[in-house]
Amino acid sequence: MIIDRNSPVPQYFQLQRWLVEQIEQGVFKPGDKIPTEAELVQMAGLARATIRQAIQNLVNMGYLVRKRKLGTFVMSRVVDNGNRKIIGLLVPDIRVGYAPELARGAEDEAAKNKQSLILCNTDDLFIKAEYHSERLIENSAAGVIFVPTAASDEKNKIIVEKFTSRNIPVVLADRIIPGLSIDHVTTDNFDGAYKITEYLIKKGHKKIAITLSTLFSSERERLEGYKKALTDYNLAIDKSIILTHDGRYSENPYIEFAKKLFKQKKKFTAVFAGHDRIAYLINSVAFDMGIKVPEEISIVGYDDLLPHCQHLVSLTTMHQPIYEMGVESMKLINERINGLTGKGKSKVLKSYLVERDSVINRDK
C-alpha cells in the first residue's frame, strides 16, 4: 500500500516519499520514466492535483525532470554540501527543556559561518522526525543536528540513514544511539550522576530515591552513576525507591511516582530526579501534599533549567553545558561539510554541581 489514509502525514508527502524510496532502491534508475499521472492515480488512489504536487516537489528537489510530450524521468543527482548554507536541527520541543539553549548555541556558531538553521520539533516521536527529515532533504540541508527520539534505536537509525545515504552529515546531540559509529556531542552523565549522589551522601543522606526514564541513553547512564556512588559508599541499593519508566517525558507518570514515594517517605530523605523538569514536578507534588522541601525531603535535579513554578525553592542540580553542546555540534557538522572523513568523533563535555536551597545537611 503506497498511501496510509490513517496517517497524519499528508498524502502528497507519502507519495513523494514512496517515489524517492523507489529511486533510491534502484526500482527507478536514472533515465527511467516513472509512471504517468493516470497510472499513479490508479496505483495510489489519489487525486491528480495531489499527484502533481508530489511530482513537482521532486522536480524542484532534483530527483525528477519533466520532458514535454514524453513524460517524467529520473535524474542523476550530484550532491554538493559545500555550497549549501542550511543546517537542520531536530529537537524534542523548542519551547521547553534544554532545547532552546541547545538551539541558541548551534545558531550562534552557524551565524559565524553565514549558515541558517531550520528548527524542527519532533515531540520525541519517530513519525514526526521522519516527516521533518524529508522536509530537510527537500530544502537541501547541508547537515543535521539530531536529538534522537523516544523511539527504538532501530527507528532512530532509520532517521540517521536517511541523511547519511544522501551524503548529509549528522551529529547526535545529548542522546546517543548505541552501536552506531557517528559524530556525537554529549555530557558525562555517569560522572555527573555520581557526583550529585555523592554530594547528597556527604550531606548525610543514606537513603536516596531516584526517578527517571530508562528509554534514553543519558538517563540510563545517570541511573548507573547513582548506583555506583551508593555502592562505593557501602550504601544499599533499595529497588523500592527506584522508580523508572520506559517512555518519553510526560507529567502523569512522575506525578504518580512522586505520590507513591511520598507515601513511604520514611524510607528515604532525598530524591534524585533524572532531570530538572521531573524535579520541579516532584517539588510541586510535595508542596500540594504539605511536605516541606528541604526540611523533610531534599530534592536534586539535572540540567540547571529555569523553574516554571513560583512557589518552589531554588533547586540544587547538575549544570549541563547545553549551549556549548550546540556550539560543538555545529563545529562537528562544519568539519564534515569541509571534507573531514573517517569514523565518528565523540565529544564528551563536563557538567558541574550548582548548590542552591533544595538540600538540607542531615549531619548538622
Protein backbone atom coordinates (compact mmCIF):
# COMPACT_ATOMS: atom_id res chain seq x y z
CA MET A 1 0.00 0.00 0.00
CA ILE A 2 1.52 3.33 -1.10
CA ILE A 3 -0.81 5.56 0.94
CA ASP A 4 -1.79 5.12 4.58
CA ARG A 5 -5.06 7.03 4.87
CA ASN A 6 -4.95 6.85 8.69
CA SER A 7 -1.54 8.54 8.88
CA PRO A 8 -1.24 12.20 9.94
CA VAL A 9 1.41 12.64 7.22
CA PRO A 10 -0.07 14.49 4.18
CA GLN A 11 -0.91 12.18 1.30
CA TYR A 12 1.14 14.10 -1.27
CA PHE A 13 4.11 13.69 1.04
CA GLN A 14 3.52 9.93 1.41
CA LEU A 15 3.52 9.57 -2.38
CA GLN A 16 6.59 11.76 -2.64
CA ARG A 17 8.38 9.61 -0.07
CA TRP A 18 7.39 6.41 -1.87
CA LEU A 19 8.75 7.69 -5.18
CA VAL A 20 12.04 8.69 -3.52
CA GLU A 21 12.33 5.21 -1.98
CA GLN A 22 11.80 3.61 -5.41
CA ILE A 23 14.53 5.81 -6.86
CA GLU A 24 16.98 5.15 -4.04
CA GLN A 25 16.35 1.40 -4.10
CA GLY A 26 17.04 1.32 -7.83
CA VAL A 27 13.50 0.42 -8.89
CA PHE A 28 13.50 3.63 -10.92
CA LYS A 29 17.03 4.25 -12.22
CA PRO A 30 18.50 7.48 -13.67
CA GLY A 31 16.95 7.97 -17.09
CA ASP A 32 13.93 5.79 -16.36
CA LYS A 33 10.43 7.10 -16.99
CA ILE A 34 8.22 6.98 -13.90
CA PRO A 35 4.52 6.01 -14.07
CA THR A 36 2.23 8.61 -15.63
CA GLU A 37 -0.18 10.68 -13.57
CA ALA A 38 -3.04 8.47 -14.74
CA GLU A 39 -1.14 5.34 -13.67
CA LEU A 40 -0.31 6.86 -10.29
CA VAL A 41 -3.99 7.72 -9.80
CA GLN A 42 -4.76 4.01 -10.21
CA MET A 43 -1.84 2.86 -8.06
CA ALA A 44 -2.29 5.30 -5.15
CA GLY A 45 -5.97 6.24 -5.35
CA LEU A 46 -5.17 9.94 -5.13
CA ALA A 47 -6.47 12.95 -6.99
CA ARG A 48 -4.41 14.23 -9.91
CA ALA A 49 -3.75 17.52 -8.07
CA THR A 50 -2.17 15.63 -5.16
CA ILE A 51 -0.01 13.61 -7.53
CA ARG A 52 1.09 16.73 -9.42
CA GLN A 53 2.13 18.34 -6.13
CA ALA A 54 4.31 15.37 -5.17
CA ILE A 55 5.92 15.17 -8.61
CA GLN A 56 6.59 18.91 -8.79
CA ASN A 57 8.28 18.81 -5.38
CA LEU A 58 10.59 16.05 -6.61
CA VAL A 59 11.32 18.07 -9.76
CA ASN A 60 12.26 21.02 -7.53
CA MET A 61 14.46 18.76 -5.40
CA GLY A 62 16.30 17.45 -8.45
CA TYR A 63 15.01 13.87 -8.36
CA LEU A 64 12.86 14.15 -11.50
CA VAL A 65 12.73 16.09 -14.75
CA ARG A 66 9.67 16.68 -16.95
CA LYS A 67 10.14 16.28 -20.71
CA ARG A 68 7.46 17.83 -22.89
CA LYS A 69 5.22 15.20 -24.56
CA LEU A 70 7.49 12.41 -23.29
CA GLY A 71 6.78 12.17 -19.55
CA THR A 72 8.67 12.49 -16.27
CA PHE A 73 12.12 10.91 -15.85
CA VAL A 74 14.57 10.14 -13.03
CA MET A 75 17.58 12.46 -12.95
CA SER A 76 21.16 11.67 -11.93
CA ARG A 77 21.80 13.62 -8.75
CA VAL A 78 25.13 15.11 -7.64
CA VAL A 79 25.23 16.33 -4.05
CA ASP A 80 27.50 19.24 -3.11
CA ASN A 81 27.10 20.11 0.57
CA GLY A 82 29.83 22.72 0.46
CA ASN A 83 27.68 25.27 -1.38
CA ARG A 84 24.65 24.91 0.89
CA LYS A 85 24.04 27.03 3.95
CA ILE A 86 21.04 25.39 5.65
CA ILE A 87 21.53 23.23 8.75
CA GLY A 88 18.67 21.20 10.25
CA LEU A 89 18.11 20.90 13.98
CA LEU A 90 15.77 18.13 15.17
CA VAL A 91 14.85 18.57 18.85
CA PRO A 92 12.03 17.21 21.05
CA ASP A 93 10.34 20.58 21.73
CA ILE A 94 11.89 24.01 21.22
CA ARG A 95 9.64 25.53 23.92
CA VAL A 96 10.80 23.51 26.93
CA GLY A 97 13.67 21.60 28.48
CA TYR A 98 17.18 22.13 27.19
CA ALA A 99 16.21 22.54 23.52
CA PRO A 100 16.12 26.40 23.48
CA GLU A 101 19.66 26.61 24.89
CA LEU A 102 20.94 23.91 22.54
CA ALA A 103 19.40 25.72 19.56
CA ARG A 104 20.91 29.05 20.61
CA GLY A 105 24.40 27.57 20.80
CA ALA A 106 24.05 25.92 17.40
CA GLU A 107 22.58 29.08 15.83
CA ASP A 108 25.32 31.36 17.18
CA GLU A 109 28.01 29.08 15.78
CA ALA A 110 26.16 28.72 12.46
CA ALA A 111 25.92 32.50 12.11
CA LYS A 112 29.71 32.76 12.23
CA ASN A 113 29.76 30.71 9.01
CA LYS A 114 26.81 32.57 7.42
CA GLN A 115 24.63 29.49 7.84
CA SER A 116 20.96 29.32 8.82
CA LEU A 117 19.09 26.80 10.95
CA ILE A 118 15.77 25.12 10.25
CA LEU A 119 14.28 24.16 13.63
CA CYS A 120 12.12 21.04 13.70
CA ASN A 121 10.12 19.84 16.72
CA THR A 122 9.80 16.05 16.84
CA ASP A 123 7.84 15.85 20.13
CA ASP A 124 10.09 12.81 20.69
CA LEU A 125 8.05 10.93 18.04
CA PHE A 126 9.59 8.89 15.22
CA ILE A 127 6.84 9.76 12.75
CA LYS A 128 7.46 13.49 13.20
CA ALA A 129 11.23 13.05 12.96
CA GLU A 130 10.71 11.10 9.74
CA TYR A 131 8.45 13.82 8.34
CA HIS A 132 10.93 16.57 9.20
CA SER A 133 13.87 14.59 7.83
CA GLU A 134 12.15 14.52 4.43
CA ARG A 135 11.44 18.24 4.75
CA LEU A 136 15.11 18.96 5.44
CA ILE A 137 16.19 16.85 2.48
CA GLU A 138 13.65 18.71 0.35
CA ASN A 139 15.20 22.00 1.49
CA SER A 140 18.72 20.79 0.62
CA ALA A 141 20.09 20.81 4.17
CA ALA A 142 23.89 20.62 4.25
CA GLY A 143 23.95 18.93 7.66
CA VAL A 144 21.73 17.93 10.57
CA ILE A 145 21.97 18.03 14.37
CA PHE A 146 19.66 15.33 15.72
CA VAL A 147 18.47 14.64 19.26
CA PRO A 148 17.28 11.00 18.97
CA THR A 149 13.58 10.49 19.66
CA ALA A 150 11.81 8.32 22.22
CA ALA A 151 11.52 5.58 19.59
CA SER A 152 13.67 2.45 19.42
CA ASP A 153 17.34 2.60 18.48
CA GLU A 154 16.49 0.93 15.17
CA LYS A 155 13.97 3.62 14.26
CA ASN A 156 16.39 6.40 15.18
CA LYS A 157 18.98 4.73 12.95
CA ILE A 158 16.48 4.97 10.07
CA ILE A 159 16.37 8.76 10.53
CA VAL A 160 20.16 8.99 10.55
CA GLU A 161 20.48 6.79 7.46
CA LYS A 162 18.01 8.97 5.53
CA PHE A 163 20.61 11.73 5.72
CA THR A 164 23.88 9.81 5.54
CA SER A 165 22.70 7.86 2.47
CA ARG A 166 22.47 11.25 0.74
CA ASN A 167 25.89 12.38 1.92
CA ILE A 168 24.35 14.74 4.51
CA PRO A 169 26.42 14.66 7.73
CA VAL A 170 24.62 14.08 11.04
CA VAL A 171 25.71 14.88 14.59
CA LEU A 172 23.81 13.39 17.53
CA ALA A 173 23.32 15.81 20.44
CA ASP A 174 22.82 14.79 24.09
CA ARG A 175 21.50 11.28 23.42
CA ILE A 176 23.43 8.61 21.56
CA ILE A 177 22.33 5.58 19.55
CA PRO A 178 24.20 2.51 20.87
CA GLY A 179 26.17 0.62 18.22
CA LEU A 180 26.11 3.49 15.72
CA SER A 181 29.51 4.97 14.85
CA ILE A 182 28.59 8.58 14.20
CA ASP A 183 29.65 12.02 15.42
CA HIS A 184 28.04 12.91 18.73
CA VAL A 185 28.26 15.52 21.46
CA THR A 186 27.05 14.70 24.94
CA THR A 187 28.00 15.16 28.58
CA ASP A 188 29.42 12.66 31.04
CA ASN A 189 26.09 11.66 32.54
CA PHE A 190 27.55 8.82 34.59
CA ASP A 191 30.10 11.12 36.24
CA GLY A 192 27.54 13.88 36.82
CA ALA A 193 25.07 11.50 38.48
CA TYR A 194 27.85 10.01 40.59
CA LYS A 195 28.90 13.45 41.81
CA ILE A 196 25.43 14.68 42.74
CA THR A 197 24.64 11.39 44.53
CA GLU A 198 27.96 11.67 46.36
CA TYR A 199 27.04 15.25 47.30
CA LEU A 200 23.81 14.01 48.93
CA ILE A 201 25.68 11.25 50.76
CA LYS A 202 28.17 13.77 52.15
CA LYS A 203 25.20 15.85 53.33
CA GLY A 204 24.16 12.90 55.49
CA HIS A 205 21.58 11.29 53.18
CA LYS A 206 21.85 7.50 53.35
CA LYS A 207 18.54 6.64 51.69
CA ILE A 208 18.23 8.36 48.31
CA ALA A 209 15.31 7.74 45.95
CA ILE A 210 15.61 8.23 42.18
CA THR A 211 13.11 8.56 39.34
CA LEU A 212 13.78 8.85 35.60
CA SER A 213 13.16 7.27 32.20
CA THR A 214 15.29 4.33 31.11
CA LEU A 215 14.40 4.95 27.47
CA PHE A 216 17.18 7.47 26.87
CA SER A 217 20.91 6.73 26.97
CA SER A 218 21.58 9.88 29.03
CA GLU A 219 19.21 8.90 31.84
CA ARG A 220 20.32 5.25 31.82
CA GLU A 221 23.87 6.49 32.43
CA ARG A 222 22.64 8.68 35.28
CA LEU A 223 20.99 5.69 36.91
CA GLU A 224 24.26 3.75 36.72
CA GLY A 225 26.21 6.68 38.19
CA TYR A 226 23.73 6.87 41.08
CA LYS A 227 24.10 3.15 41.79
CA LYS A 228 27.90 3.29 41.64
CA ALA A 229 28.05 6.13 44.16
CA LEU A 230 25.83 4.21 46.60
CA THR A 231 27.96 1.10 46.17
CA ASP A 232 31.23 2.98 46.66
CA TYR A 233 29.93 4.40 49.95
CA ASN A 234 28.67 0.99 51.08
CA LEU A 235 25.02 2.03 50.95
CA ALA A 236 22.29 -0.40 49.95
CA ILE A 237 20.52 -0.02 46.62
CA ASP A 238 16.83 -0.12 47.55
CA LYS A 239 14.77 -1.06 44.48
CA SER A 240 11.56 0.08 46.16
CA ILE A 241 12.68 3.72 45.89
CA ILE A 242 13.99 3.46 42.32
CA LEU A 243 11.03 4.41 40.12
CA THR A 244 11.55 4.33 36.36
CA HIS A 245 9.52 4.09 33.20
CA ASP A 246 10.47 3.44 29.57
CA GLY A 247 8.57 6.20 27.78
CA ARG A 248 9.08 9.80 26.73
CA TYR A 249 8.56 12.55 29.28
CA SER A 250 5.03 13.37 30.36
CA GLU A 251 3.83 14.71 33.68
CA ASN A 252 1.41 11.97 34.76
CA PRO A 253 3.89 9.13 35.39
CA TYR A 254 6.08 11.35 37.55
CA ILE A 255 3.13 12.78 39.48
CA GLU A 256 2.17 9.18 40.31
CA PHE A 257 5.80 8.31 41.14
CA ALA A 258 6.02 11.32 43.48
CA LYS A 259 2.80 10.40 45.28
CA LYS A 260 3.99 6.81 45.63
CA LEU A 261 7.33 7.93 47.02
CA PHE A 262 5.88 10.40 49.48
CA LYS A 263 3.55 7.73 50.88
CA GLN A 264 6.70 5.90 52.01
CA LYS A 265 8.79 8.98 52.82
CA LYS A 266 10.16 7.40 55.99
CA LYS A 267 12.23 5.14 53.73
CA PHE A 268 14.30 7.99 52.25
CA THR A 269 15.46 11.55 52.91
CA ALA A 270 16.32 12.75 49.40
CA VAL A 271 15.14 12.35 45.80
CA PHE A 272 17.39 12.47 42.75
CA ALA A 273 15.24 13.45 39.76
CA GLY A 274 16.57 12.37 36.36
CA HIS A 275 16.25 15.93 35.05
CA ASP A 276 15.04 19.30 36.31
CA ARG A 277 11.54 19.10 34.83
CA ILE A 278 10.96 15.97 36.92
CA ALA A 279 12.47 17.68 39.97
CA TYR A 280 10.17 20.69 39.67
CA LEU A 281 7.17 18.39 39.26
CA ILE A 282 8.13 16.40 42.38
CA ASN A 283 8.62 19.65 44.25
CA SER A 284 5.11 20.78 43.24
CA VAL A 285 3.59 17.49 44.42
CA ALA A 286 5.44 17.85 47.74
CA PHE A 287 4.03 21.38 48.11
CA ASP A 288 0.50 20.17 47.39
CA MET A 289 0.87 17.36 49.94
CA GLY A 290 2.19 19.71 52.62
CA ILE A 291 5.69 18.19 52.59
CA LYS A 292 8.43 20.72 53.24
CA VAL A 293 11.47 20.90 50.95
CA PRO A 294 14.21 20.62 52.08
CA GLU A 295 13.26 20.28 55.76
CA GLU A 296 11.51 16.94 55.28
CA ILE A 297 12.72 15.83 51.86
CA SER A 298 15.69 17.09 49.87
CA ILE A 299 15.47 17.17 46.06
CA VAL A 300 18.15 17.45 43.37
CA GLY A 301 17.80 17.64 39.61
CA TYR A 302 19.92 17.56 36.48
CA ASP A 303 20.33 20.15 33.64
CA ASP A 304 20.07 23.51 35.50
CA LEU A 305 16.90 24.76 33.81
CA LEU A 306 14.80 27.74 34.91
CA PRO A 307 11.88 26.84 37.23
CA HIS A 308 8.32 27.05 35.94
CA CYS A 309 6.58 27.45 39.32
CA GLN A 310 6.96 30.47 41.57
CA HIS A 311 6.48 28.74 44.91
CA LEU A 312 9.39 26.35 44.51
CA VAL A 313 12.63 26.54 46.47
CA SER A 314 15.67 27.05 44.26
CA LEU A 315 16.94 23.70 43.01
CA THR A 316 20.32 22.11 43.63
CA THR A 317 21.25 20.47 40.34
CA MET A 318 23.97 19.46 37.89
CA HIS A 319 24.59 22.15 35.31
CA GLN A 320 24.86 20.72 31.81
CA PRO A 321 26.77 22.83 29.25
CA ILE A 322 23.82 22.77 26.84
CA TYR A 323 24.78 25.96 24.98
CA GLU A 324 28.27 24.57 24.47
CA MET A 325 26.73 21.30 23.25
CA GLY A 326 25.00 23.23 20.49
CA VAL A 327 28.22 25.05 19.59
CA GLU A 328 30.31 21.87 19.48
CA SER A 329 27.66 20.02 17.46
CA MET A 330 27.73 22.80 14.87
CA LYS A 331 31.53 22.70 14.75
CA LEU A 332 31.45 18.96 14.04
CA ILE A 333 28.88 19.45 11.27
CA ASN A 334 31.14 22.01 9.60
CA GLU A 335 34.18 19.75 9.88
CA ARG A 336 32.26 17.13 7.88
CA ILE A 337 30.94 19.68 5.38
CA ASN A 338 34.52 20.86 4.85
CA GLY A 339 35.70 17.38 3.96
CA LEU A 340 36.62 15.59 7.20
CA THR A 341 36.31 11.83 6.71
CA GLY A 342 36.79 8.84 8.97
CA LYS A 343 34.96 7.24 11.86
CA GLY A 344 32.56 9.13 14.10
CA LYS A 345 34.02 11.56 16.62
CA SER A 346 32.86 11.78 20.24
CA LYS A 347 32.89 14.98 22.29
CA VAL A 348 32.03 14.50 25.96
CA LEU A 349 31.53 17.71 27.93
CA LYS A 350 31.73 18.03 31.72
CA SER A 351 28.86 19.07 33.98
CA TYR A 352 29.25 20.72 37.37
CA LEU A 353 27.25 20.93 40.60
CA VAL A 354 25.16 24.04 41.30
CA GLU A 355 24.32 24.17 45.02
CA ARG A 356 21.16 26.05 45.96
CA ASP A 357 18.45 25.62 48.63
CA SER A 358 16.71 22.28 47.99
CA VAL A 359 19.07 20.10 50.07
CA ILE A 360 19.49 20.09 53.84
CA ASN A 361 22.54 18.82 55.69
CA ARG A 362 21.35 15.84 57.77
CA ASP A 363 24.59 15.67 59.73
CA LYS A 364 24.05 19.00 61.47
